[in-house]
All heavy atoms as atom14 arrays in JSON, in Angstrom:
{
  "sequence": "HVQRRELDELCRGQVHQGVCLEATPLRFKSLEDAETPGLGDDASGKRQ",
  "atom14_mask": [
    [1, 1, 1, 1, 1, 1, 1, 1, 1, 1, 0, 0, 0, 0],
    [1, 1, 1, 1, 1, 1, 1, 0, 0, 0, 0, 0, 0, 0],
    [1, 1, 1, 1, 1, 1, 1, 1, 1, 0, 0, 0, 0, 0],
    [1, 1, 1, 1, 1, 1, 1, 1, 1, 1, 1, 0, 0, 0],
    [1, 1, 1, 1, 1, 1, 1, 1, 1, 1, 1, 0, 0, 0],
    [1, 1, 1, 1, 1, 1, 1, 1, 1, 0, 0, 0, 0, 0],
    [1, 1, 1, 1, 1, 1, 1, 1, 0, 0, 0, 0, 0, 0],
    [1, 1, 1, 1, 1, 1, 1, 1, 0, 0, 0, 0, 0, 0],
    [1, 1, 1, 1, 1, 1, 1, 1, 1, 0, 0, 0, 0, 0],
    [1, 1, 1, 1, 1, 1, 1, 1, 0, 0, 0, 0, 0, 0],
    [1, 1, 1, 1, 1, 1, 0, 0, 0, 0, 0, 0, 0, 0],
    [1, 1, 1, 1, 1, 1, 1, 1, 1, 1, 1, 0, 0, 0],
    [1, 1, 1, 1, 0, 0, 0, 0, 0, 0, 0, 0, 0, 0],
    [1, 1, 1, 1, 1, 1, 1, 1, 1, 0, 0, 0, 0, 0],
    [1, 1, 1, 1, 1, 1, 1, 0, 0, 0, 0, 0, 0, 0],
    [1, 1, 1, 1, 1, 1, 1, 1, 1, 1, 0, 0, 0, 0],
    [1, 1, 1, 1, 1, 1, 1, 1, 1, 0, 0, 0, 0, 0],
    [1, 1, 1, 1, 0, 0, 0, 0, 0, 0, 0, 0, 0, 0],
    [1, 1, 1, 1, 1, 1, 1, 0, 0, 0, 0, 0, 0, 0],
    [1, 1, 1, 1, 1, 1, 0, 0, 0, 0, 0, 0, 0, 0],
    [1, 1, 1, 1, 1, 1, 1, 1, 0, 0, 0, 0, 0, 0],
    [1, 1, 1, 1, 1, 1, 1, 1, 1, 0, 0, 0, 0, 0],
    [1, 1, 1, 1, 1, 0, 0, 0, 0, 0, 0, 0, 0, 0],
    [1, 1, 1, 1, 1, 1, 1, 0, 0, 0, 0, 0, 0, 0],
    [1, 1, 1, 1, 1, 1, 1, 0, 0, 0, 0, 0, 0, 0],
    [1, 1, 1, 1, 1, 1, 1, 1, 0, 0, 0, 0, 0, 0],
    [1, 1, 1, 1, 1, 1, 1, 1, 1, 1, 1, 0, 0, 0],
    [1, 1, 1, 1, 1, 1, 1, 1, 1, 1, 1, 0, 0, 0],
    [1, 1, 1, 1, 1, 1, 1, 1, 1, 0, 0, 0, 0, 0],
    [1, 1, 1, 1, 1, 1, 0, 0, 0, 0, 0, 0, 0, 0],
    [1, 1, 1, 1, 1, 1, 1, 1, 0, 0, 0, 0, 0, 0],
    [1, 1, 1, 1, 1, 1, 1, 1, 1, 0, 0, 0, 0, 0],
    [1, 1, 1, 1, 1, 1, 1, 1, 0, 0, 0, 0, 0, 0],
    [1, 1, 1, 1, 1, 0, 0, 0, 0, 0, 0, 0, 0, 0],
    [1, 1, 1, 1, 1, 1, 1, 1, 1, 0, 0, 0, 0, 0],
    [1, 1, 1, 1, 1, 1, 1, 0, 0, 0, 0, 0, 0, 0],
    [1, 1, 1, 1, 1, 1, 1, 0, 0, 0, 0, 0, 0, 0],
    [1, 1, 1, 1, 0, 0, 0, 0, 0, 0, 0, 0, 0, 0],
    [1, 1, 1, 1, 1, 1, 1, 1, 0, 0, 0, 0, 0, 0],
    [1, 1, 1, 1, 0, 0, 0, 0, 0, 0, 0, 0, 0, 0],
    [1, 1, 1, 1, 1, 1, 1, 1, 0, 0, 0, 0, 0, 0],
    [1, 1, 1, 1, 1, 1, 1, 1, 0, 0, 0, 0, 0, 0],
    [1, 1, 1, 1, 1, 0, 0, 0, 0, 0, 0, 0, 0, 0],
    [1, 1, 1, 1, 1, 1, 0, 0, 0, 0, 0, 0, 0, 0],
    [1, 1, 1, 1, 0, 0, 0, 0, 0, 0, 0, 0, 0, 0],
    [1, 1, 1, 1, 1, 1, 1, 1, 1, 0, 0, 0, 0, 0],
    [1, 1, 1, 1, 1, 1, 1, 1, 1, 1, 1, 0, 0, 0],
    [1, 1, 1, 1, 1, 1, 1, 1, 1, 0, 0, 0, 0, 0]
  ],
  "atom14_positions": [
    [[7.57, -28.2, 3.11], [9.0, -28.35, 2.81], [9.12, -29.04, 1.45], [8.62, -30.15, 1.26], [9.69, -29.17, 3.9], [9.67, -28.5, 5.24], [10.61, -27.56, 5.61], [8.81, -28.61, 6.29], [10.35, -27.12, 6.84], [9.25, -27.75, 7.27], [0.0, 0.0, 0.0], [0.0, 0.0, 0.0], [0.0, 0.0, 0.0], [0.0, 0.0, 0.0]],
    [[9.76, -28.37, 0.51], [9.85, -28.88, -0.87], [11.3, -28.83, -1.34], [12.18, -28.27, -0.68], [8.98, -28.04, -1.82], [7.51, -28.09, -1.41], [9.45, -26.59, -1.86], [0.0, 0.0, 0.0], [0.0, 0.0, 0.0], [0.0, 0.0, 0.0], [0.0, 0.0, 0.0], [0.0, 0.0, 0.0], [0.0, 0.0, 0.0], [0.0, 0.0, 0.0]],
    [[11.53, -29.43, -2.5], [12.86, -29.39, -3.1], [13.14, -28.0, -3.66], [12.22, -27.26, -4.03], [12.96, -30.43, -4.23], [12.81, -31.87, -3.77], [13.92, -32.3, -2.85], [15.1, -32.0, -3.09], [13.56, -33.0, -1.78], [0.0, 0.0, 0.0], [0.0, 0.0, 0.0], [0.0, 0.0, 0.0], [0.0, 0.0, 0.0], [0.0, 0.0, 0.0]],
    [[14.42, -27.68, -3.75], [14.81, -26.36, -4.21], [14.27, -26.07, -5.61], [13.88, -24.94, -5.91], [16.34, -26.21, -4.21], [16.81, -24.81, -4.58], [18.33, -24.69, -4.57], [18.73, -23.33, -4.87], [18.87, -22.36, -3.96], [18.64, -22.61, -2.68], [19.23, -21.14, -4.32], [0.0, 0.0, 0.0], [0.0, 0.0, 0.0], [0.0, 0.0, 0.0]],
    [[14.24, -27.08, -6.46], [13.79, -26.85, -7.83], [12.33, -26.38, -7.88], [11.93, -25.63, -8.77], [13.98, -28.11, -8.68], [13.1, -29.28, -8.29], [13.27, -30.44, -9.27], [12.41, -31.57, -8.94], [12.69, -32.5, -8.05], [13.86, -32.45, -7.4], [11.84, -33.48, -7.8], [0.0, 0.0, 0.0], [0.0, 0.0, 0.0], [0.0, 0.0, 0.0]],
    [[11.52, -26.82, -6.89], [10.13, -26.37, -6.85], [10.04, -24.88, -6.5], [9.22, -24.15, -7.05], [9.34, -27.21, -5.85], [9.19, -28.66, -6.24], [8.28, -29.42, -5.29], [7.15, -28.95, -5.02], [8.7, -30.48, -4.8], [0.0, 0.0, 0.0], [0.0, 0.0, 0.0], [0.0, 0.0, 0.0], [0.0, 0.0, 0.0], [0.0, 0.0, 0.0]],
    [[10.89, -24.46, -5.58], [10.94, -23.03, -5.26], [11.43, -22.23, -6.47], [10.92, -21.14, -6.75], [11.86, -22.77, -4.07], [11.35, -23.22, -2.69], [12.39, -22.9, -1.62], [10.02, -22.58, -2.35], [0.0, 0.0, 0.0], [0.0, 0.0, 0.0], [0.0, 0.0, 0.0], [0.0, 0.0, 0.0], [0.0, 0.0, 0.0], [0.0, 0.0, 0.0]],
    [[12.43, -22.77, -7.17], [12.93, -22.09, -8.37], [11.82, -21.9, -9.38], [11.7, -20.84, -10.01], [14.08, -22.9, -8.99], [15.33, -22.92, -8.12], [15.45, -22.04, -7.25], [16.18, -23.81, -8.32], [0.0, 0.0, 0.0], [0.0, 0.0, 0.0], [0.0, 0.0, 0.0], [0.0, 0.0, 0.0], [0.0, 0.0, 0.0], [0.0, 0.0, 0.0]],
    [[10.99, -22.93, -9.55], [9.88, -22.84, -10.51], [8.83, -21.84, -10.05], [8.31, -21.04, -10.84], [9.26, -24.23, -10.7], [10.17, -25.21, -11.43], [9.6, -26.61, -11.45], [8.48, -26.8, -10.9], [10.26, -27.52, -11.99], [0.0, 0.0, 0.0], [0.0, 0.0, 0.0], [0.0, 0.0, 0.0], [0.0, 0.0, 0.0], [0.0, 0.0, 0.0]],
    [[8.51, -21.88, -8.75], [7.5, -20.95, -8.23], [7.95, -19.5, -8.39], [7.14, -18.61, -8.67], [7.24, -21.24, -6.75], [6.38, -22.45, -6.43], [6.41, -22.75, -4.93], [4.94, -22.22, -6.89], [0.0, 0.0, 0.0], [0.0, 0.0, 0.0], [0.0, 0.0, 0.0], [0.0, 0.0, 0.0], [0.0, 0.0, 0.0], [0.0, 0.0, 0.0]],
    [[9.25, -19.26, -8.23], [9.79, -17.89, -8.3], [10.34, -17.57, -9.68], [11.0, -16.54, -9.87], [10.89, -17.71, -7.26], [10.28, -17.84, -5.58], [0.0, 0.0, 0.0], [0.0, 0.0, 0.0], [0.0, 0.0, 0.0], [0.0, 0.0, 0.0], [0.0, 0.0, 0.0], [0.0, 0.0, 0.0], [0.0, 0.0, 0.0], [0.0, 0.0, 0.0]],
    [[10.06, -18.44, -10.66], [10.49, -18.24, -12.05], [11.99, -17.97, -12.15], [12.44, -17.12, -12.91], [9.7, -17.09, -12.68], [8.2, -17.35, -12.76], [7.47, -16.18, -13.41], [6.06, -16.45, -13.55], [5.14, -16.19, -12.61], [5.54, -15.65, -11.46], [3.88, -16.47, -12.79], [0.0, 0.0, 0.0], [0.0, 0.0, 0.0], [0.0, 0.0, 0.0]],
    [[12.76, -18.7, -11.34], [14.21, -18.6, -11.42], [14.82, -17.44, -10.67], [16.04, -17.29, -10.65], [0.0, 0.0, 0.0], [0.0, 0.0, 0.0], [0.0, 0.0, 0.0], [0.0, 0.0, 0.0], [0.0, 0.0, 0.0], [0.0, 0.0, 0.0], [0.0, 0.0, 0.0], [0.0, 0.0, 0.0], [0.0, 0.0, 0.0], [0.0, 0.0, 0.0]],
    [[13.99, -16.59, -10.05], [14.53, -15.45, -9.32], [15.02, -15.88, -7.94], [14.65, -16.94, -7.43], [13.47, -14.35, -9.18], [13.0, -13.78, -10.52], [12.03, -12.63, -10.33], [12.19, -11.82, -9.43], [11.03, -12.56, -11.19], [0.0, 0.0, 0.0], [0.0, 0.0, 0.0], [0.0, 0.0, 0.0], [0.0, 0.0, 0.0], [0.0, 0.0, 0.0]],
    [[15.86, -15.06, -7.34], [16.43, -15.38, -6.03], [15.32, -15.45, -4.99], [14.49, -14.54, -4.89], [17.48, -14.33, -5.61], [18.01, -14.64, -4.22], [18.62, -14.29, -6.63], [0.0, 0.0, 0.0], [0.0, 0.0, 0.0], [0.0, 0.0, 0.0], [0.0, 0.0, 0.0], [0.0, 0.0, 0.0], [0.0, 0.0, 0.0], [0.0, 0.0, 0.0]],
    [[15.28, -16.54, -4.21], [14.22, -16.69, -3.21], [14.76, -16.95, -1.8], [13.99, -16.96, -0.84], [13.27, -17.82, -3.6], [13.97, -19.1, -3.94], [14.66, -19.84, -3.02], [14.1, -19.75, -5.12], [15.16, -20.92, -3.6], [14.86, -20.89, -4.89], [0.0, 0.0, 0.0], [0.0, 0.0, 0.0], [0.0, 0.0, 0.0], [0.0, 0.0, 0.0]],
    [[16.03, -17.21, -1.66], [16.66, -17.39, -0.34], [16.02, -18.52, 0.46], [15.99, -18.51, 1.69], [16.63, -16.08, 0.46], [17.47, -14.98, -0.19], [17.2, -13.61, 0.41], [16.13, -13.06, 0.24], [18.19, -13.06, 1.1], [0.0, 0.0, 0.0], [0.0, 0.0, 0.0], [0.0, 0.0, 0.0], [0.0, 0.0, 0.0], [0.0, 0.0, 0.0]],
    [[15.48, -19.5, -0.26], [15.0, -20.7, 0.4], [13.59, -20.66, 0.94], [13.14, -21.59, 1.61], [0.0, 0.0, 0.0], [0.0, 0.0, 0.0], [0.0, 0.0, 0.0], [0.0, 0.0, 0.0], [0.0, 0.0, 0.0], [0.0, 0.0, 0.0], [0.0, 0.0, 0.0], [0.0, 0.0, 0.0], [0.0, 0.0, 0.0], [0.0, 0.0, 0.0]],
    [[12.86, -19.6, 0.63], [11.48, -19.53, 1.11], [10.63, -18.78, 0.09], [11.09, -17.86, -0.59], [11.41, -18.83, 2.49], [11.86, -17.37, 2.38], [10.02, -18.92, 3.08], [0.0, 0.0, 0.0], [0.0, 0.0, 0.0], [0.0, 0.0, 0.0], [0.0, 0.0, 0.0], [0.0, 0.0, 0.0], [0.0, 0.0, 0.0], [0.0, 0.0, 0.0]],
    [[9.38, -19.18, -0.04], [8.45, -18.53, -0.96], [7.08, -18.52, -0.31], [6.63, -19.54, 0.23], [8.41, -19.3, -2.29], [7.25, -18.66, -3.5], [0.0, 0.0, 0.0], [0.0, 0.0, 0.0], [0.0, 0.0, 0.0], [0.0, 0.0, 0.0], [0.0, 0.0, 0.0], [0.0, 0.0, 0.0], [0.0, 0.0, 0.0], [0.0, 0.0, 0.0]],
    [[6.43, -17.38, -0.33], [5.1, -17.23, 0.26], [4.09, -16.97, -0.83], [4.25, -16.05, -1.65], [5.1, -16.06, 1.26], [3.74, -15.72, 1.88], [3.28, -16.81, 2.82], [3.82, -14.39, 2.64], [0.0, 0.0, 0.0], [0.0, 0.0, 0.0], [0.0, 0.0, 0.0], [0.0, 0.0, 0.0], [0.0, 0.0, 0.0], [0.0, 0.0, 0.0]],
    [[3.02, -17.76, -0.85], [1.93, -17.52, -1.78], [0.93, -16.59, -1.1], [0.43, -16.87, -0.01], [1.24, -18.82, -2.17], [0.15, -18.63, -3.21], [-0.48, -19.95, -3.65], [-0.27, -20.97, -2.96], [-1.16, -19.95, -4.69], [0.0, 0.0, 0.0], [0.0, 0.0, 0.0], [0.0, 0.0, 0.0], [0.0, 0.0, 0.0], [0.0, 0.0, 0.0]],
    [[0.67, -15.44, -1.74], [-0.2, -14.44, -1.14], [-1.01, -13.75, -2.22], [-0.67, -13.79, -3.4], [0.64, -13.41, -0.38], [0.0, 0.0, 0.0], [0.0, 0.0, 0.0], [0.0, 0.0, 0.0], [0.0, 0.0, 0.0], [0.0, 0.0, 0.0], [0.0, 0.0, 0.0], [0.0, 0.0, 0.0], [0.0, 0.0, 0.0], [0.0, 0.0, 0.0]],
    [[-2.1, -13.11, -1.8], [-2.9, -12.34, -2.75], [-2.13, -11.08, -3.15], [-1.32, -10.57, -2.37], [-4.23, -11.92, -2.13], [-3.99, -11.22, -0.91], [-5.09, -13.14, -1.84], [0.0, 0.0, 0.0], [0.0, 0.0, 0.0], [0.0, 0.0, 0.0], [0.0, 0.0, 0.0], [0.0, 0.0, 0.0], [0.0, 0.0, 0.0], [0.0, 0.0, 0.0]],
    [[-2.35, -10.58, -4.35], [-1.64, -9.37, -4.79], [-2.01, -8.16, -3.94], [-3.14, -8.05, -3.45], [-2.11, -9.17, -6.24], [-2.69, -10.49, -6.66], [-3.23, -11.11, -5.41], [0.0, 0.0, 0.0], [0.0, 0.0, 0.0], [0.0, 0.0, 0.0], [0.0, 0.0, 0.0], [0.0, 0.0, 0.0], [0.0, 0.0, 0.0], [0.0, 0.0, 0.0]],
    [[-1.05, -7.26, -3.74], [-1.32, -5.98, -3.09], [-1.71, -4.97, -4.16], [-1.12, -4.94, -5.23], [-0.09, -5.48, -2.34], [0.12, -6.01, -0.92], [1.44, -5.52, -0.35], [-1.02, -5.6, -0.01], [0.0, 0.0, 0.0], [0.0, 0.0, 0.0], [0.0, 0.0, 0.0], [0.0, 0.0, 0.0], [0.0, 0.0, 0.0], [0.0, 0.0, 0.0]],
    [[-2.7, -4.17, -3.86], [-3.17, -3.15, -4.79], [-2.84, -1.76, -4.26], [-2.68, -1.56, -3.07], [-4.69, -3.27, -4.98], [-5.18, -4.65, -5.37], [-4.67, -5.07, -6.73], [-5.23, -6.36, -7.15], [-4.81, -7.06, -8.18], [-3.8, -6.61, -8.92], [-5.37, -8.22, -8.49], [0.0, 0.0, 0.0], [0.0, 0.0, 0.0], [0.0, 0.0, 0.0]],
    [[-2.76, -0.82, -5.18], [-2.64, 0.58, -4.77], [-3.89, 0.99, -4.01], [-5.0, 0.55, -4.31], [-2.48, 1.49, -5.99], [-1.16, 1.36, -6.69], [-1.1, 0.88, -7.99], [0.01, 1.73, -6.07], [0.12, 0.77, -8.64], [1.23, 1.64, -6.72], [1.29, 1.15, -8.01], [0.0, 0.0, 0.0], [0.0, 0.0, 0.0], [0.0, 0.0, 0.0]],
    [[-3.72, 1.88, -3.03], [-4.86, 2.46, -2.33], [-5.38, 3.65, -3.13], [-4.64, 4.29, -3.88], [-4.43, 2.94, -0.94], [-3.91, 1.84, -0.03], [-5.04, 1.0, 0.52], [-4.53, -0.01, 1.53], [-5.62, -0.78, 2.15], [0.0, 0.0, 0.0], [0.0, 0.0, 0.0], [0.0, 0.0, 0.0], [0.0, 0.0, 0.0], [0.0, 0.0, 0.0]],
    [[-6.67, 3.95, -2.95], [-7.23, 5.11, -3.64], [-6.92, 6.37, -2.85], [-6.79, 6.34, -1.62], [-8.74, 4.95, -3.81], [-9.39, 5.07, -2.55], [0.0, 0.0, 0.0], [0.0, 0.0, 0.0], [0.0, 0.0, 0.0], [0.0, 0.0, 0.0], [0.0, 0.0, 0.0], [0.0, 0.0, 0.0], [0.0, 0.0, 0.0], [0.0, 0.0, 0.0]],
    [[-6.82, 7.49, -3.56], [-6.54, 8.76, -2.88], [-7.67, 9.18, -1.96], [-7.46, 9.92, -1.01], [-6.27, 9.85, -3.91], [-4.83, 9.91, -4.43], [-4.7, 10.96, -5.51], [-3.86, 10.2, -3.29], [0.0, 0.0, 0.0], [0.0, 0.0, 0.0], [0.0, 0.0, 0.0], [0.0, 0.0, 0.0], [0.0, 0.0, 0.0], [0.0, 0.0, 0.0]],
    [[-8.88, 8.7, -2.22], [-9.98, 9.02, -1.31], [-9.68, 8.47, 0.09], [-9.98, 9.1, 1.1], [-11.29, 8.43, -1.83], [-11.87, 9.12, -3.04], [-11.08, 8.82, -4.32], [-10.32, 7.83, -4.34], [-11.23, 9.57, -5.3], [0.0, 0.0, 0.0], [0.0, 0.0, 0.0], [0.0, 0.0, 0.0], [0.0, 0.0, 0.0], [0.0, 0.0, 0.0]],
    [[-9.05, 7.3, 0.16], [-8.67, 6.74, 1.45], [-7.6, 7.6, 2.12], [-7.56, 7.73, 3.34], [-8.14, 5.32, 1.28], [-9.21, 4.36, 0.78], [-10.4, 4.64, 1.03], [-8.87, 3.36, 0.13], [0.0, 0.0, 0.0], [0.0, 0.0, 0.0], [0.0, 0.0, 0.0], [0.0, 0.0, 0.0], [0.0, 0.0, 0.0], [0.0, 0.0, 0.0]],
    [[-6.71, 8.18, 1.31], [-5.63, 9.0, 1.87], [-6.17, 10.25, 2.52], [-5.55, 10.81, 3.43], [-4.63, 9.38, 0.77], [0.0, 0.0, 0.0], [0.0, 0.0, 0.0], [0.0, 0.0, 0.0], [0.0, 0.0, 0.0], [0.0, 0.0, 0.0], [0.0, 0.0, 0.0], [0.0, 0.0, 0.0], [0.0, 0.0, 0.0], [0.0, 0.0, 0.0]],
    [[-7.32, 10.72, 2.07], [-7.9, 11.95, 2.62], [-8.76, 11.68, 3.84], [-9.25, 12.6, 4.47], [-8.75, 12.65, 1.55], [-8.01, 12.94, 0.24], [-6.82, 13.86, 0.44], [-6.8, 14.6, 1.43], [-5.91, 13.82, -0.39], [0.0, 0.0, 0.0], [0.0, 0.0, 0.0], [0.0, 0.0, 0.0], [0.0, 0.0, 0.0], [0.0, 0.0, 0.0]],
    [[-8.99, 10.4, 4.16], [-9.88, 10.07, 5.26], [-9.21, 10.34, 6.6], [-8.08, 9.92, 6.82], [-10.27, 8.57, 5.19], [-10.9, 8.32, 3.93], [-11.24, 8.22, 6.31], [0.0, 0.0, 0.0], [0.0, 0.0, 0.0], [0.0, 0.0, 0.0], [0.0, 0.0, 0.0], [0.0, 0.0, 0.0], [0.0, 0.0, 0.0], [0.0, 0.0, 0.0]],
    [[-9.89, 11.04, 7.52], [-9.29, 11.28, 8.85], [-9.03, 9.97, 9.57], [-9.65, 8.95, 9.3], [-10.37, 12.1, 9.57], [-11.22, 12.68, 8.48], [-11.19, 11.69, 7.36], [0.0, 0.0, 0.0], [0.0, 0.0, 0.0], [0.0, 0.0, 0.0], [0.0, 0.0, 0.0], [0.0, 0.0, 0.0], [0.0, 0.0, 0.0], [0.0, 0.0, 0.0]],
    [[-8.1, 10.01, 10.49], [-7.82, 8.84, 11.3], [-6.74, 7.95, 10.75], [-6.54, 6.85, 11.24], [0.0, 0.0, 0.0], [0.0, 0.0, 0.0], [0.0, 0.0, 0.0], [0.0, 0.0, 0.0], [0.0, 0.0, 0.0], [0.0, 0.0, 0.0], [0.0, 0.0, 0.0], [0.0, 0.0, 0.0], [0.0, 0.0, 0.0], [0.0, 0.0, 0.0]],
    [[-6.03, 8.39, 9.7], [-4.96, 7.58, 9.13], [-3.6, 8.01, 9.67], [-2.58, 7.67, 9.1], [-4.97, 7.7, 7.61], [-6.14, 7.03, 6.9], [-6.06, 7.26, 5.4], [-6.18, 5.54, 7.19], [0.0, 0.0, 0.0], [0.0, 0.0, 0.0], [0.0, 0.0, 0.0], [0.0, 0.0, 0.0], [0.0, 0.0, 0.0], [0.0, 0.0, 0.0]],
    [[-3.59, 8.76, 10.77], [-2.32, 9.13, 11.37], [-1.97, 10.59, 11.18], [-1.01, 11.08, 11.75], [0.0, 0.0, 0.0], [0.0, 0.0, 0.0], [0.0, 0.0, 0.0], [0.0, 0.0, 0.0], [0.0, 0.0, 0.0], [0.0, 0.0, 0.0], [0.0, 0.0, 0.0], [0.0, 0.0, 0.0], [0.0, 0.0, 0.0], [0.0, 0.0, 0.0]],
    [[-2.73, 11.31, 10.37], [-2.44, 12.73, 10.18], [-3.03, 13.53, 11.33], [-4.13, 13.26, 11.8], [-3.06, 13.23, 8.86], [-2.43, 12.57, 7.65], [-1.38, 11.94, 7.83], [-3.0, 12.7, 6.56], [0.0, 0.0, 0.0], [0.0, 0.0, 0.0], [0.0, 0.0, 0.0], [0.0, 0.0, 0.0], [0.0, 0.0, 0.0], [0.0, 0.0, 0.0]],
    [[-2.33, 14.53, 11.76], [-2.79, 15.39, 12.84], [-3.82, 16.37, 12.3], [-3.52, 17.22, 11.49], [-1.6, 16.13, 13.44], [-1.98, 16.92, 14.69], [-3.18, 17.14, 14.93], [-1.06, 17.32, 15.4], [0.0, 0.0, 0.0], [0.0, 0.0, 0.0], [0.0, 0.0, 0.0], [0.0, 0.0, 0.0], [0.0, 0.0, 0.0], [0.0, 0.0, 0.0]],
    [[-5.06, 16.24, 12.76], [-6.13, 17.08, 12.23], [-5.92, 18.55, 12.55], [-6.46, 19.42, 11.88], [-7.48, 16.61, 12.8], [0.0, 0.0, 0.0], [0.0, 0.0, 0.0], [0.0, 0.0, 0.0], [0.0, 0.0, 0.0], [0.0, 0.0, 0.0], [0.0, 0.0, 0.0], [0.0, 0.0, 0.0], [0.0, 0.0, 0.0], [0.0, 0.0, 0.0]],
    [[-5.13, 18.85, 13.55], [-4.9, 20.24, 13.91], [-4.0, 20.95, 12.91], [-3.91, 22.16, 12.9], [-4.27, 20.32, 15.3], [-2.94, 19.82, 15.27], [0.0, 0.0, 0.0], [0.0, 0.0, 0.0], [0.0, 0.0, 0.0], [0.0, 0.0, 0.0], [0.0, 0.0, 0.0], [0.0, 0.0, 0.0], [0.0, 0.0, 0.0], [0.0, 0.0, 0.0]],
    [[-3.29, 20.17, 12.07], [-2.41, 20.76, 11.08], [-1.07, 21.2, 11.62], [-0.26, 21.76, 10.9], [0.0, 0.0, 0.0], [0.0, 0.0, 0.0], [0.0, 0.0, 0.0], [0.0, 0.0, 0.0], [0.0, 0.0, 0.0], [0.0, 0.0, 0.0], [0.0, 0.0, 0.0], [0.0, 0.0, 0.0], [0.0, 0.0, 0.0], [0.0, 0.0, 0.0]],
    [[-0.81, 20.96, 12.92], [0.44, 21.42, 13.51], [1.6, 20.53, 13.14], [2.75, 20.96, 13.14], [0.28, 21.48, 15.04], [-0.71, 22.54, 15.51], [-0.81, 22.56, 17.03], [-1.82, 23.6, 17.5], [-1.96, 23.61, 18.98], [0.0, 0.0, 0.0], [0.0, 0.0, 0.0], [0.0, 0.0, 0.0], [0.0, 0.0, 0.0], [0.0, 0.0, 0.0]],
    [[1.32, 19.27, 12.86], [2.38, 18.34, 12.58], [2.91, 18.54, 11.18], [2.16, 18.78, 10.24], [1.85, 16.91, 12.73], [2.93, 15.87, 12.65], [2.34, 14.48, 12.79], [3.18, 13.59, 12.0], [2.74, 12.54, 11.34], [1.47, 12.25, 11.35], [3.56, 11.78, 10.66], [0.0, 0.0, 0.0], [0.0, 0.0, 0.0], [0.0, 0.0, 0.0]],
    [[4.23, 18.43, 11.01], [4.81, 18.49, 9.67], [4.4, 17.24, 8.9], [4.64, 16.13, 9.36], [6.33, 18.55, 9.76], [6.89, 19.92, 10.11], [8.4, 19.87, 10.24], [8.93, 19.1, 11.03], [9.09, 20.68, 9.48], [0.0, 0.0, 0.0], [0.0, 0.0, 0.0], [0.0, 0.0, 0.0], [0.0, 0.0, 0.0], [0.0, 0.0, 0.0]]
  ]
}
């Protein structure tokens, strides 16, 4: 629990709605992963 000004500084003045989470950056996935079976695509090809 911190003062609002600390959240303002962490978020570089952007709107934060009273909460800020420090997390590792998200990266794009590689297309090789998209082609891997088992990611929810129907292997039979029947699904749109």
